[in-house]
C-alpha atoms as a PDB file:
ATOM      1  CA  UNK A   1      -0.006  -0.030   0.003  1.00  0.00           C
ATOM      2  CA  UNK A   2       2.972   2.332   0.519  1.00  0.00           C
ATOM      3  CA  UNK A   3       3.665   5.103  -1.942  1.00  0.00           C
ATOM      4  CA  UNK A   4       5.669   8.346  -1.855  1.00  0.00           C
ATOM      5  CA  UNK A   5       3.180  10.155  -4.066  1.00  0.00           C
ATOM      6  CA  UNK A   6       2.297  13.623  -2.771  1.00  0.00           C
ATOM      7  CA  UNK A   7       0.041  15.152  -5.443  1.00  0.00           C
ATOM      8  CA  UNK A   8      -3.510  15.174  -3.980  1.00  0.00           C
ATOM      9  CA  UNK A   9      -5.343  13.627  -6.923  1.00  0.00           C
ATOM     10  CA  UNK A  10      -2.800  10.770  -7.159  1.00  0.00           C
ATOM     11  CA  UNK A  11      -2.988  10.190  -3.403  1.00  0.00           C
ATOM     12  CA  UNK A  12      -6.804   9.883  -3.621  1.00  0.00           C
ATOM     13  CA  UNK A  13      -6.530   7.330  -6.432  1.00  0.00           C
ATOM     14  CA  UNK A  14      -3.871   5.359  -4.505  1.00  0.00           C
ATOM     15  CA  UNK A  15      -5.888   5.120  -1.327  1.00  0.00           C
ATOM     16  CA  UNK A  16      -9.117   4.226  -3.081  1.00  0.00           C
ATOM     17  CA  UNK A  17      -7.467   1.479  -5.142  1.00  0.00           C
ATOM     18  CA  UNK A  18      -5.820   0.039  -2.016  1.00  0.00           C
ATOM     19  CA  UNK A  19      -9.020   0.118   0.045  1.00  0.00           C
ATOM     20  CA  UNK A  20     -11.153  -1.357  -2.775  1.00  0.00           C
ATOM     21  CA  UNK A  21      -8.800  -4.387  -3.088  1.00  0.00           C
ATOM     22  CA  UNK A  22      -8.725  -5.126   0.628  1.00  0.00           C
ATOM     23  CA  UNK A  23     -10.496  -8.405   1.558  1.00  0.00           C
ATOM     24  CA  UNK A  24     -13.695  -8.178   3.608  1.00  0.00           C
ATOM     25  CA  UNK A  25     -14.957 -10.820   6.036  1.00  0.00           C
ATOM     26  CA  UNK A  26     -18.242 -12.280   4.743  1.00  0.00           C
ATOM     27  CA  UNK A  27     -19.430 -14.776   7.401  1.00  0.00           C
ATOM     28  CA  UNK A  28     -20.218 -13.723  10.976  1.00  0.00           C
ATOM     29  CA  UNK A  29     -19.453 -15.964  13.966  1.00  0.00           C
ATOM     30  CA  UNK A  30     -22.340 -17.619  15.767  1.00  0.00           C
ATOM     31  CA  UNK A  31     -24.419 -15.138  17.767  1.00  0.00           C
ATOM     32  CA  UNK A  32     -23.246 -12.068  15.812  1.00  0.00           C
ATOM     33  CA  UNK A  33     -24.997 -10.498  12.840  1.00  0.00           C
ATOM     34  CA  UNK A  34     -24.309  -7.671  10.455  1.00  0.00           C
ATOM     35  CA  UNK A  35     -26.621  -5.455   8.517  1.00  0.00           C
ATOM     36  CA  UNK A  36     -26.625  -2.112   6.790  1.00  0.00           C
ATOM     37  CA  UNK A  37     -27.994   0.841   8.716  1.00  0.00           C
ATOM     38  CA  UNK A  38     -31.699   1.303   7.978  1.00  0.00           C
ATOM     39  CA  UNK A  39     -32.266   4.948   6.975  1.00  0.00           C
ATOM     40  CA  UNK A  40     -35.370   4.987   9.171  1.00  0.00           C
ATOM     41  CA  UNK A  41     -33.589   4.004  12.420  1.00  0.00           C
ATOM     42  CA  UNK A  42     -30.749   6.580  12.378  1.00  0.00           C
ATOM     43  CA  UNK A  43     -31.840   9.392  10.025  1.00  0.00           C
ATOM     44  CA  UNK A  44     -28.941  10.766   7.965  1.00  0.00           C
ATOM     45  CA  UNK A  45     -26.499   8.046   9.140  1.00  0.00           C
ATOM     46  CA  UNK A  46     -24.970   5.501   6.834  1.00  0.00           C
ATOM     47  CA  UNK A  47     -22.801   2.481   7.566  1.00  0.00           C
ATOM     48  CA  UNK A  48     -22.976  -0.997   8.931  1.00  0.00           C
ATOM     49  CA  UNK A  49     -23.969  -2.655  12.220  1.00  0.00           C
ATOM     50  CA  UNK A  50     -22.149  -5.649  13.592  1.00  0.00           C
ATOM     51  CA  UNK A  51     -23.639  -6.844  16.875  1.00  0.00           C
ATOM     52  CA  UNK A  52     -25.690  -9.180  19.053  1.00  0.00           C
ATOM     53  CA  UNK A  53     -29.450  -9.295  19.673  1.00  0.00           C
ATOM     54  CA  UNK A  54     -30.894  -6.789  22.171  1.00  0.00           C
ATOM     55  CA  UNK A  55     -27.546  -5.116  22.881  1.00  0.00           C
ATOM     56  CA  UNK A  56     -27.435  -2.462  25.590  1.00  0.00           C
ATOM     57  CA  UNK A  57     -23.866  -1.467  24.920  1.00  0.00           C
ATOM     58  CA  UNK A  58     -22.555   0.128  21.770  1.00  0.00           C
ATOM     59  CA  UNK A  59     -19.471   1.383  19.918  1.00  0.00           C
ATOM     60  CA  UNK A  60     -19.476   4.089  17.299  1.00  0.00           C
ATOM     61  CA  UNK A  61     -16.509   3.652  14.980  1.00  0.00           C
ATOM     62  CA  UNK A  62     -15.045   5.948  12.324  1.00  0.00           C
ATOM     63  CA  UNK A  63     -12.942   4.235   9.640  1.00  0.00           C
ATOM     64  CA  UNK A  64      -9.515   5.178   8.338  1.00  0.00           C
ATOM     65  CA  UNK A  65      -8.563   6.050   4.797  1.00  0.00           C
ATOM     66  CA  UNK A  66      -6.880   9.431   5.101  1.00  0.00           C
ATOM     67  CA  UNK A  67     -10.263  11.249   4.793  1.00  0.00           C
ATOM     68  CA  UNK A  68     -10.348  10.336   1.088  1.00  0.00           C
ATOM     69  CA  UNK A  69     -11.281   6.633   1.167  1.00  0.00           C
ATOM     70  CA  UNK A  70     -12.479   3.859   3.496  1.00  0.00           C
ATOM     71  CA  UNK A  71     -15.179   1.231   3.821  1.00  0.00           C
ATOM     72  CA  UNK A  72     -17.199   0.598   7.013  1.00  0.00           C
ATOM     73  CA  UNK A  73     -17.415  -3.075   6.187  1.00  0.00           C
ATOM     74  CA  UNK A  74     -13.621  -3.526   6.313  1.00  0.00           C
ATOM     75  CA  UNK A  75     -13.710  -3.973  10.092  1.00  0.00           C
ATOM     76  CA  UNK A  76     -16.171  -6.842  10.436  1.00  0.00           C
ATOM     77  CA  UNK A  77     -13.740  -9.362  11.893  1.00  0.00           C
ATOM     78  CA  UNK A  78     -12.554  -7.029  14.636  1.00  0.00           C
ATOM     79  CA  UNK A  79     -16.029  -5.793  15.425  1.00  0.00           C
ATOM     80  CA  UNK A  80     -17.508  -9.292  15.514  1.00  0.00           C
ATOM     81  CA  UNK A  81     -14.944 -10.192  18.161  1.00  0.00           C
ATOM     82  CA  UNK A  82     -15.711  -7.065  20.203  1.00  0.00           C
ATOM     83  CA  UNK A  83     -19.455  -7.342  19.793  1.00  0.00           C
ATOM     84  CA  UNK A  84     -19.467 -10.926  21.100  1.00  0.00           C
ATOM     85  CA  UNK A  85     -17.094 -10.165  24.029  1.00  0.00           C
ATOM     86  CA  UNK A  86     -18.959  -7.065  25.135  1.00  0.00           C
ATOM     87  CA  UNK A  87     -22.483  -8.098  24.110  1.00  0.00           C
ATOM     88  CA  UNK A  88     -22.674  -4.907  22.132  1.00  0.00           C
ATOM     89  CA  UNK A  89     -23.679  -3.329  18.832  1.00  0.00           C
ATOM     90  CA  UNK A  90     -20.866  -1.712  16.824  1.00  0.00           C
ATOM     91  CA  UNK A  91     -21.801   0.918  14.269  1.00  0.00           C
ATOM     92  CA  UNK A  92     -19.132   1.411  11.622  1.00  0.00           C
ATOM     93  CA  UNK A  93     -20.267   4.777  10.400  1.00  0.00           C
ATOM     94  CA  UNK A  94     -19.652   6.173   6.955  1.00  0.00           C
ATOM     95  CA  UNK A  95     -18.862   9.853   6.503  1.00  0.00           C
ATOM     96  CA  UNK A  96     -18.424  12.044   3.460  1.00  0.00           C
ATOM     97  CA  UNK A  97     -14.995  11.848   1.806  1.00  0.00           C
ATOM     98  CA  UNK A  98     -12.705  14.409   0.269  1.00  0.00           C
ATOM     99  CA  UNK A  99     -12.077  15.785  -2.283  1.00  0.00           C
ATOM    100  CA  UNK A 100     -15.785  15.625  -3.144  1.00  0.00           C
ATOM    101  CA  UNK A 101     -16.621  16.769   0.357  1.00  0.00           C
ATOM    102  CA  UNK A 102     -14.017  18.926   2.047  1.00  0.00           C
ATOM    103  CA  UNK A 103     -13.287  19.691   5.686  1.00  0.00           C
ATOM    104  CA  UNK A 104     -15.285  19.872   7.962  1.00  0.00           C
ATOM    105  CA  UNK A 105     -17.826  17.506   6.273  1.00  0.00           C
ATOM    106  CA  UNK A 106     -16.334  14.438   8.002  1.00  0.00           C
ATOM    107  CA  UNK A 107     -16.616  15.991  11.441  1.00  0.00           C
ATOM    108  CA  UNK A 108     -20.135  17.208  10.810  1.00  0.00           C
ATOM    109  CA  UNK A 109     -21.135  13.674   9.828  1.00  0.00           C
ATOM    110  CA  UNK A 110     -19.407  12.186  12.846  1.00  0.00           C
ATOM    111  CA  UNK A 111     -21.365  14.517  15.129  1.00  0.00           C
ATOM    112  CA  UNK A 112     -24.649  13.614  13.391  1.00  0.00           C
ATOM    113  CA  UNK A 113     -23.844   9.932  13.937  1.00  0.00           C
ATOM    114  CA  UNK A 114     -23.045  10.553  17.591  1.00  0.00           C
ATOM    115  CA  UNK A 115     -26.263  12.464  18.181  1.00  0.00           C
ATOM    116  CA  UNK A 116     -28.211   9.593  16.608  1.00  0.00           C
ATOM    117  CA  UNK A 117     -26.394   7.085  18.804  1.00  0.00           C
ATOM    118  CA  UNK A 118     -27.112   8.844  22.084  1.00  0.00           C
ATOM    119  CA  UNK A 119     -30.750   9.001  21.145  1.00  0.00           C
ATOM    120  CA  UNK A 120     -30.647   5.191  20.971  1.00  0.00           C
ATOM    121  CA  UNK A 121     -28.130   4.255  23.689  1.00  0.00           C
ATOM    122  CA  UNK A 122     -27.334   5.584  27.140  1.00  0.00           C
ATOM    123  CA  UNK A 123     -23.982   7.435  26.784  1.00  0.00           C
ATOM    124  CA  UNK A 124     -22.759   5.527  29.845  1.00  0.00           C
ATOM    125  CA  UNK A 125     -23.037   2.371  27.654  1.00  0.00           C
ATOM    126  CA  UNK A 126     -21.405   3.942  24.619  1.00  0.00           C
ATOM    127  CA  UNK A 127     -17.799   4.149  23.369  1.00  0.00           C
ATOM    128  CA  UNK A 128     -16.382   6.080  20.436  1.00  0.00           C
ATOM    129  CA  UNK A 129     -13.559   4.580  18.399  1.00  0.00           C
ATOM    130  CA  UNK A 130     -11.623   5.185  15.228  1.00  0.00           C
ATOM    131  CA  UNK A 131      -8.526   4.190  13.305  1.00  0.00           C
ATOM    132  CA  UNK A 132      -6.005   6.297  11.462  1.00  0.00           C
ATOM    133  CA  UNK A 133      -7.907   9.333  10.026  1.00  0.00           C
ATOM    134  CA  UNK A 134     -10.958   7.995  11.836  1.00  0.00           C
ATOM    135  CA  UNK A 135      -8.988   8.057  15.055  1.00  0.00           C
ATOM    136  CA  UNK A 136      -8.187  11.748  14.646  1.00  0.00           C
ATOM    137  CA  UNK A 137     -11.802  12.347  13.624  1.00  0.00           C
ATOM    138  CA  UNK A 138     -13.009  10.520  16.778  1.00  0.00           C
ATOM    139  CA  UNK A 139     -10.766  12.698  18.998  1.00  0.00           C
ATOM    140  CA  UNK A 140     -12.025  15.815  17.258  1.00  0.00           C
ATOM    141  CA  UNK A 141     -15.574  14.543  17.805  1.00  0.00           C
ATOM    142  CA  UNK A 142     -14.998  14.030  21.530  1.00  0.00           C
ATOM    143  CA  UNK A 143     -13.717  17.592  21.796  1.00  0.00           C
ATOM    144  CA  UNK A 144     -16.735  18.948  19.926  1.00  0.00           C
ATOM    145  CA  UNK A 145     -19.186  16.851  22.007  1.00  0.00           C
ATOM    146  CA  UNK A 146     -17.659  18.265  25.154  1.00  0.00           C
ATOM    147  CA  UNK A 147     -17.659  21.876  23.804  1.00  0.00           C
ATOM    148  CA  UNK A 148     -21.349  21.605  22.760  1.00  0.00           C
ATOM    149  CA  UNK A 149     -22.354  20.308  26.180  1.00  0.00           C
ATOM    150  CA  UNK A 150     -23.599  16.964  24.929  1.00  0.00           C
ATOM    151  CA  UNK A 151     -23.221  13.904  27.188  1.00  0.00           C
ATOM    152  CA  UNK A 152     -19.855  12.256  26.664  1.00  0.00           C
ATOM    153  CA  UNK A 153     -19.432   8.569  25.990  1.00  0.00           C
ATOM    154  CA  UNK A 154     -17.911   6.307  28.609  1.00  0.00           C
ATOM    155  CA  UNK A 155     -14.659   5.730  26.715  1.00  0.00           C
ATOM    156  CA  UNK A 156     -12.720   6.269  23.509  1.00  0.00           C
ATOM    157  CA  UNK A 157     -10.415   3.969  21.535  1.00  0.00           C
ATOM    158  CA  UNK A 158      -8.001   5.372  18.929  1.00  0.00           C
ATOM    159  CA  UNK A 159      -6.016   2.988  16.720  1.00  0.00           C
ATOM    160  CA  UNK A 160      -2.907   4.624  15.201  1.00  0.00           C
ATOM    161  CA  UNK A 161      -4.732   7.993  15.090  1.00  0.00           C
ATOM    162  CA  UNK A 162      -3.897  10.666  12.556  1.00  0.00           C
ATOM    163  CA  UNK A 163      -4.479  13.662  14.834  1.00  0.00           C
ATOM    164  CA  UNK A 164      -1.989  16.231  13.391  1.00  0.00           C
ATOM    165  CA  UNK A 165      -2.552  17.184   9.749  1.00  0.00           C
ATOM    166  CA  UNK A 166       0.561  19.349   9.669  1.00  0.00           C
ATOM    167  CA  UNK A 167       3.842  17.906   8.532  1.00  0.00           C
ATOM    168  CA  UNK A 168       5.704  19.044  11.673  1.00  0.00           C
ATOM    169  CA  UNK A 169       5.752  15.933  13.887  1.00  0.00           C
ATOM    170  CA  UNK A 170       9.287  14.470  14.121  1.00  0.00           C
ATOM    171  CA  UNK A 171       8.128  10.899  13.507  1.00  0.00           C
ATOM    172  CA  UNK A 172       6.968  11.944   9.982  1.00  0.00           C
ATOM    173  CA  UNK A 173      10.657  12.138   9.037  1.00  0.00           C
ATOM    174  CA  UNK A 174      12.238   9.661  11.468  1.00  0.00           C
ATOM    175  CA  UNK A 175       9.856   6.810  10.518  1.00  0.00           C
ATOM    176  CA  UNK A 176       9.294   7.637   6.871  1.00  0.00           C
ATOM    177  CA  UNK A 177      11.403   4.664   5.711  1.00  0.00           C
ATOM    178  CA  UNK A 178      10.382   2.332   8.504  1.00  0.00           C
ATOM    179  CA  UNK A 179       6.623   2.602   8.102  1.00  0.00           C
ATOM    180  CA  UNK A 180       5.389  -0.127   5.799  1.00  0.00           C
ATOM    181  CA  UNK A 181       2.105   1.567   4.882  1.00  0.00           C
ATOM    182  CA  UNK A 182       2.189   5.364   5.098  1.00  0.00           C
ATOM    183  CA  UNK A 183       4.662   8.127   4.174  1.00  0.00           C
ATOM    184  CA  UNK A 184       4.809  11.761   5.111  1.00  0.00           C
ATOM    185  CA  UNK A 185       4.356  12.639   1.393  1.00  0.00           C
ATOM    186  CA  UNK A 186       1.151  10.603   1.163  1.00  0.00           C
ATOM    187  CA  UNK A 187      -0.252  12.168   4.356  1.00  0.00           C
ATOM    188  CA  UNK A 188       0.566  15.618   3.032  1.00  0.00           C
ATOM    189  CA  UNK A 189      -1.302  14.951  -0.200  1.00  0.00           C
ATOM    190  CA  UNK A 190      -4.321  13.557   1.662  1.00  0.00           C
ATOM    191  CA  UNK A 191      -4.345  16.509   4.061  1.00  0.00           C
ATOM    192  CA  UNK A 192      -4.328  18.868   1.123  1.00  0.00           C
ATOM    193  CA  UNK A 193      -7.213  17.085  -0.515  1.00  0.00           C
ATOM    194  CA  UNK A 194      -9.245  17.152   2.693  1.00  0.00           C
ATOM    195  CA  UNK A 195      -8.441  20.648   3.974  1.00  0.00           C
ATOM    196  CA  UNK A 196      -8.528  22.497   0.600  1.00  0.00           C
ATOM    197  CA  UNK A 197      -6.543  25.390   2.081  1.00  0.00           C
ATOM    198  CA  UNK A 198      -8.048  25.397   5.593  1.00  0.00           C
ATOM    199  CA  UNK A 199      -5.656  25.886   8.482  1.00  0.00           C
ATOM    200  CA  UNK A 200      -4.354  22.428   9.508  1.00  0.00           C
ATOM    201  CA  UNK A 201      -3.643  23.663  13.059  1.00  0.00           C
ATOM    202  CA  UNK A 202      -7.281  24.316  13.915  1.00  0.00           C
ATOM    203  CA  UNK A 203      -8.426  21.671  16.412  1.00  0.00           C
ATOM    204  CA  UNK A 204     -11.372  20.563  14.323  1.00  0.00           C
ATOM    205  CA  UNK A 205      -8.847  19.410  11.704  1.00  0.00           C
ATOM    206  CA  UNK A 206      -5.896  18.486  13.998  1.00  0.00           C
ATOM    207  CA  UNK A 207      -7.285  17.727  17.454  1.00  0.00           C
ATOM    208  CA  UNK A 208      -3.760  17.361  18.811  1.00  0.00           C
ATOM    209  CA  UNK A 209      -3.823  21.189  19.062  1.00  0.00           C
ATOM    210  CA  UNK A 210      -7.164  21.180  20.858  1.00  0.00           C
ATOM    211  CA  UNK A 211      -8.167  21.230  24.522  1.00  0.00           C
ATOM    212  CA  UNK A 212      -7.602  17.759  25.979  1.00  0.00           C
ATOM    213  CA  UNK A 213      -9.408  18.379  29.280  1.00  0.00           C
ATOM    214  CA  UNK A 214     -12.688  16.772  30.202  1.00  0.00           C
ATOM    215  CA  UNK A 215     -12.459  13.840  27.798  1.00  0.00           C
ATOM    216  CA  UNK A 216     -13.526  10.248  28.708  1.00  0.00           C
ATOM    217  CA  UNK A 217     -10.759   7.655  29.367  1.00  0.00           C
ATOM    218  CA  UNK A 218      -8.898   6.835  26.189  1.00  0.00           C
ATOM    219  CA  UNK A 219      -7.028   3.736  24.974  1.00  0.00           C
ATOM    220  CA  UNK A 220      -4.580   4.379  22.129  1.00  0.00           C
ATOM    221  CA  UNK A 221      -2.507   1.891  20.107  1.00  0.00           C
ATOM    222  CA  UNK A 222       0.475   2.557  17.830  1.00  0.00           C
ATOM    223  CA  UNK A 223       3.529   0.779  16.519  1.00  0.00           C
ATOM    224  CA  UNK A 224       7.019   2.215  16.997  1.00  0.00           C
ATOM    225  CA  UNK A 225       7.650   2.225  13.251  1.00  0.00           C
ATOM    226  CA  UNK A 226       4.707   4.465  12.278  1.00  0.00           C
ATOM    227  CA  UNK A 227       4.999   7.912  10.844  1.00  0.00           C
ATOM    228  CA  UNK A 228       1.962   8.616  13.095  1.00  0.00           C
ATOM    229  CA  UNK A 229       3.830   7.569  16.275  1.00  0.00           C
ATOM    230  CA  UNK A 230       4.035  11.113  17.641  1.00  0.00           C
ATOM    231  CA  UNK A 231       0.322  11.688  17.188  1.00  0.00           C
ATOM    232  CA  UNK A 232      -0.403   8.911  19.714  1.00  0.00           C
ATOM    233  CA  UNK A 233       2.284   9.828  22.231  1.00  0.00           C
ATOM    234  CA  UNK A 234       1.270  13.512  22.168  1.00  0.00           C
ATOM    235  CA  UNK A 235      -2.396  12.673  22.709  1.00  0.00           C
ATOM    236  CA  UNK A 236      -1.456  10.684  25.815  1.00  0.00           C
ATOM    237  CA  UNK A 237       0.813  13.468  27.075  1.00  0.00           C
ATOM    238  CA  UNK A 238      -1.885  16.111  26.431  1.00  0.00           C
ATOM    239  CA  UNK A 239      -4.683  14.205  28.103  1.00  0.00           C
ATOM    240  CA  UNK A 240      -2.503  13.329  31.112  1.00  0.00           C
ATOM    241  CA  UNK A 241      -1.325  16.915  31.479  1.00  0.00           C
ATOM    242  CA  UNK A 242      -4.983  18.024  31.416  1.00  0.00           C
ATOM    243  CA  UNK A 243      -5.836  15.702  34.265  1.00  0.00           C
ATOM    244  CA  UNK A 244      -7.457  12.983  32.178  1.00  0.00           C
ATOM    245  CA  UNK A 245      -6.740   9.289  31.673  1.00  0.00           C
ATOM    246  CA  UNK A 246      -5.086   7.839  28.582  1.00  0.00           C
ATOM    247  CA  UNK A 247      -3.469   4.458  28.147  1.00  0.00           C
ATOM    248  CA  UNK A 248      -1.025   3.753  25.372  1.00  0.00           C
ATOM    249  CA  UNK A 249      -0.516   0.318  23.765  1.00  0.00           C
ATOM    250  CA  UNK A 250       2.909   0.737  22.142  1.00  0.00           C
ATOM    251  CA  UNK A 251       4.214  -2.206  20.085  1.00  0.00           C
ATOM    252  CA  UNK A 252       7.282  -3.004  18.043  1.00  0.00           C
ATOM    253  CA  UNK A 253       7.437  -4.973  14.783  1.00  0.00           C
ATOM    254  CA  UNK A 254       3.841  -4.651  13.737  1.00  0.00           C
ATOM    255  CA  UNK A 255       2.186  -2.124  11.406  1.00  0.00           C
ATOM    256  CA  UNK A 256      -0.411   0.634  11.014  1.00  0.00           C
ATOM    257  CA  UNK A 257      -3.755  -0.310  12.600  1.00  0.00           C
ATOM    258  CA  UNK A 258      -2.714  -3.917  13.196  1.00  0.00           C
ATOM    259  CA  UNK A 259      -5.828  -4.831  15.347  1.00  0.00           C
ATOM    260  CA  UNK A 260      -7.925  -5.127  12.233  1.00  0.00           C
ATOM    261  CA  UNK A 261      -5.956  -8.262  11.210  1.00  0.00           C
ATOM    262  CA  UNK A 262      -7.616 -10.542  13.814  1.00  0.00           C
ATOM    263  CA  UNK A 263      -8.249 -13.448  11.416  1.00  0.00           C
ATOM    264  CA  UNK A 264      -4.533 -13.872  10.650  1.00  0.00           C
ATOM    265  CA  UNK A 265      -2.435 -12.212  13.385  1.00  0.00           C
ATOM    266  CA  UNK A 266      -2.104 -13.376  16.998  1.00  0.00           C
ATOM    267  CA  UNK A 267      -0.945  -9.945  18.080  1.00  0.00           C
ATOM    268  CA  UNK A 268      -4.114  -8.420  16.642  1.00  0.00           C
ATOM    269  CA  UNK A 269      -6.291 -10.809  18.643  1.00  0.00           C
ATOM    270  CA  UNK A 270      -4.263  -9.987  21.744  1.00  0.00           C
ATOM    271  CA  UNK A 271      -4.728  -6.275  21.260  1.00  0.00           C
ATOM    272  CA  UNK A 272      -8.423  -6.610  20.516  1.00  0.00           C
ATOM    273  CA  UNK A 273      -8.640  -8.546  23.756  1.00  0.00           C
ATOM    274  CA  UNK A 274      -7.046  -5.623  25.587  1.00  0.00           C
ATOM    275  CA  UNK A 275      -9.511  -3.249  23.942  1.00  0.00           C
ATOM    276  CA  UNK A 276     -12.406  -5.436  24.975  1.00  0.00           C
ATOM    277  CA  UNK A 277     -11.229  -5.538  28.582  1.00  0.00           C
ATOM    278  CA  UNK A 278     -10.723  -1.778  28.633  1.00  0.00           C
ATOM    279  CA  UNK A 279     -14.228  -1.207  27.329  1.00  0.00           C
ATOM    280  CA  UNK A 280     -15.840  -3.871  29.542  1.00  0.00           C
ATOM    281  CA  UNK A 281     -14.500  -2.046  32.602  1.00  0.00           C
ATOM    282  CA  UNK A 282     -15.983   1.269  31.500  1.00  0.00           C
ATOM    283  CA  UNK A 283     -19.238   0.571  29.680  1.00  0.00           C
ATOM    284  CA  UNK A 284     -22.320   0.225  31.878  1.00  0.00           C
END
């Protein structure tokens, strides 16, 4: 999947080809079902449910794909495991993508999905999660939910989050060769496609620059080799400095968003188990 392409249109084509070719789990394990979101149940929300019957707990997930690509159905294996362990429903929510829909369309859609979820589930039984761009989007969502005075979820999970859309983080350069999936050039092209000239330092785009106080407990995972390493470590530092709780799962020898590889990777199953335990201790 790795490329050093920087031109925004080429980056969009690269990500969309890579995502379209990725395999998707078809069969659900016993006791877990999947279905598309019914437009009548969550007005204005699109995506896919993976869950168990009569669930009282829920997770709202935002997919990765650098804000220019991504498929909610790509996470079925990971969500099936979490849904069964937690007896929960997981909503993998779609959001509008750049360059057809520029910043802040993704955040507006994430907020609409969250509002719909808290109409259906008690926030004490709800977690917000996201991976890569979806991880940064989920952090920006938590900050916006707090700022708008909405009830916060019980927890957040961020997998290799892209929370800084500038090119300033040292790990962009130091890990540019080591990262097997992303490069600083590709991230810069995707950021340009998404932001369309907007200031990348505004917290709605790069929540690493936002207020980290008053957020729910967070669990964050990242590998040492990632160009996004600093995003994760700085989130933990910022939340801790603001008096909050953030736990970092920091691994070596894996890859960007490795927990999605639960069908084939023991380390992914181990990490998803850690995520499940973290959420089980916090969801009502």
